Amino acid sequence: MKKQKITEKTGIMDALEINPDAANLLAEAGLGCLGCAMAHFETLEQGLAAHGFNKKEIKEIIEGLNK
């Protein structure tokens, strides 16, 4: 079965289910998503943008989550 791809529209909690290492990768980027109540409602794009990441940085982080 092919692994589901993470996109900027993927919910934060969904990304954590798709890639169990996502929590560590997001923490390395400066996000403590597991402790944030908004992680249950926001997409990766929304969460990263709220923390000041630009579109290029968001794209790079998402590419890392898919590796």
C-alpha atoms as a PDB file:
ATOM      1  CA  MET A   1       0.000   0.000   0.000  1.00  0.00           C
ATOM      2  CA  LYS A   2       1.349   3.414  -0.981  1.00  0.00           C
ATOM      3  CA  LYS A   3       2.066   5.853   1.832  1.00  0.00           C
ATOM      4  CA  GLN A   4      -0.281   8.835   1.867  1.00  0.00           C
ATOM      5  CA  LYS A   5       1.385  12.100   0.808  1.00  0.00           C
ATOM      6  CA  ILE A   6       1.450  15.042   3.204  1.00  0.00           C
ATOM      7  CA  THR A   7       0.538  18.425   1.679  1.00  0.00           C
ATOM      8  CA  GLU A   8       0.100  21.937   3.026  1.00  0.00           C
ATOM      9  CA  LYS A   9      -3.622  21.182   3.327  1.00  0.00           C
ATOM     10  CA  THR A  10      -3.025  18.102   5.525  1.00  0.00           C
ATOM     11  CA  GLY A  11      -4.242  18.572   9.079  1.00  0.00           C
ATOM     12  CA  ILE A  12      -1.467  18.675  11.664  1.00  0.00           C
ATOM     13  CA  MET A  13      -2.788  15.635  13.537  1.00  0.00           C
ATOM     14  CA  ASP A  14      -3.288  13.793  10.235  1.00  0.00           C
ATOM     15  CA  ALA A  15       0.356  14.474   9.341  1.00  0.00           C
ATOM     16  CA  LEU A  16       1.385  12.952  12.669  1.00  0.00           C
ATOM     17  CA  GLU A  17      -0.600   9.818  11.817  1.00  0.00           C
ATOM     18  CA  ILE A  18       0.835   9.581   8.290  1.00  0.00           C
ATOM     19  CA  ASN A  19       4.423  10.118   9.440  1.00  0.00           C
ATOM     20  CA  PRO A  20       5.170   9.227  13.068  1.00  0.00           C
ATOM     21  CA  ASP A  21       8.450  11.183  12.789  1.00  0.00           C
ATOM     22  CA  ALA A  22       6.504  14.362  11.958  1.00  0.00           C
ATOM     23  CA  ALA A  23       6.425  15.418  15.615  1.00  0.00           C
ATOM     24  CA  ASN A  24      10.221  15.399  15.791  1.00  0.00           C
ATOM     25  CA  LEU A  25      10.616  17.131  12.429  1.00  0.00           C
ATOM     26  CA  LEU A  26       8.142  19.850  13.363  1.00  0.00           C
ATOM     27  CA  ALA A  27       9.797  20.273  16.771  1.00  0.00           C
ATOM     28  CA  GLU A  28      13.156  20.752  15.018  1.00  0.00           C
ATOM     29  CA  ALA A  29      11.502  23.538  13.009  1.00  0.00           C
ATOM     30  CA  GLY A  30      10.423  25.161  16.269  1.00  0.00           C
ATOM     31  CA  LEU A  31       6.859  23.884  16.559  1.00  0.00           C
ATOM     32  CA  GLY A  32       5.533  21.989  19.545  1.00  0.00           C
ATOM     33  CA  CYS A  33       2.458  20.741  17.706  1.00  0.00           C
ATOM     34  CA  LEU A  34       1.552  17.913  20.037  1.00  0.00           C
ATOM     35  CA  GLY A  35       1.011  20.321  22.907  1.00  0.00           C
ATOM     36  CA  CYS A  36      -1.016  22.828  20.920  1.00  0.00           C
ATOM     37  CA  ALA A  37      -4.813  22.713  21.022  1.00  0.00           C
ATOM     38  CA  MET A  38      -4.930  24.199  17.513  1.00  0.00           C
ATOM     39  CA  ALA A  39      -3.147  21.118  16.135  1.00  0.00           C
ATOM     40  CA  HIS A  40      -6.544  19.418  16.081  1.00  0.00           C
ATOM     41  CA  PHE A  41      -8.068  22.086  13.839  1.00  0.00           C
ATOM     42  CA  GLU A  42      -5.311  23.603  11.679  1.00  0.00           C
ATOM     43  CA  THR A  43      -3.652  22.452   8.489  1.00  0.00           C
ATOM     44  CA  LEU A  44       0.126  22.375   8.313  1.00  0.00           C
ATOM     45  CA  GLU A  45       0.031  25.511   6.187  1.00  0.00           C
ATOM     46  CA  GLN A  46      -2.085  27.376   8.746  1.00  0.00           C
ATOM     47  CA  GLY A  47       0.028  26.278  11.689  1.00  0.00           C
ATOM     48  CA  LEU A  48       3.351  27.014  10.028  1.00  0.00           C
ATOM     49  CA  ALA A  49       2.164  30.388   8.704  1.00  0.00           C
ATOM     50  CA  ALA A  50       0.911  31.313  12.181  1.00  0.00           C
ATOM     51  CA  HIS A  51       4.452  30.709  13.425  1.00  0.00           C
ATOM     52  CA  GLY A  52       5.946  33.023  10.807  1.00  0.00           C
ATOM     53  CA  PHE A  53       7.035  30.570   8.130  1.00  0.00           C
ATOM     54  CA  ASN A  54       6.803  31.800   4.542  1.00  0.00           C
ATOM     55  CA  LYS A  55       5.494  29.726   1.606  1.00  0.00           C
ATOM     56  CA  LYS A  56       9.001  28.581   0.590  1.00  0.00           C
ATOM     57  CA  GLU A  57       9.820  27.448   4.130  1.00  0.00           C
ATOM     58  CA  ILE A  58       6.469  25.684   4.432  1.00  0.00           C
ATOM     59  CA  LYS A  59       7.131  23.837   1.171  1.00  0.00           C
ATOM     60  CA  GLU A  60      10.588  22.748   2.403  1.00  0.00           C
ATOM     61  CA  ILE A  61       9.207  21.494   5.726  1.00  0.00           C
ATOM     62  CA  ILE A  62       6.470  19.534   3.973  1.00  0.00           C
ATOM     63  CA  GLU A  63       9.003  18.007   1.584  1.00  0.00           C
ATOM     64  CA  GLY A  64      10.962  16.882   4.641  1.00  0.00           C
ATOM     65  CA  LEU A  65       7.850  15.312   6.152  1.00  0.00           C
ATOM     66  CA  ASN A  66       7.387  13.234   2.989  1.00  0.00           C
ATOM     67  CA  LYS A  67      10.922  11.812   2.969  1.00  0.00           C
END
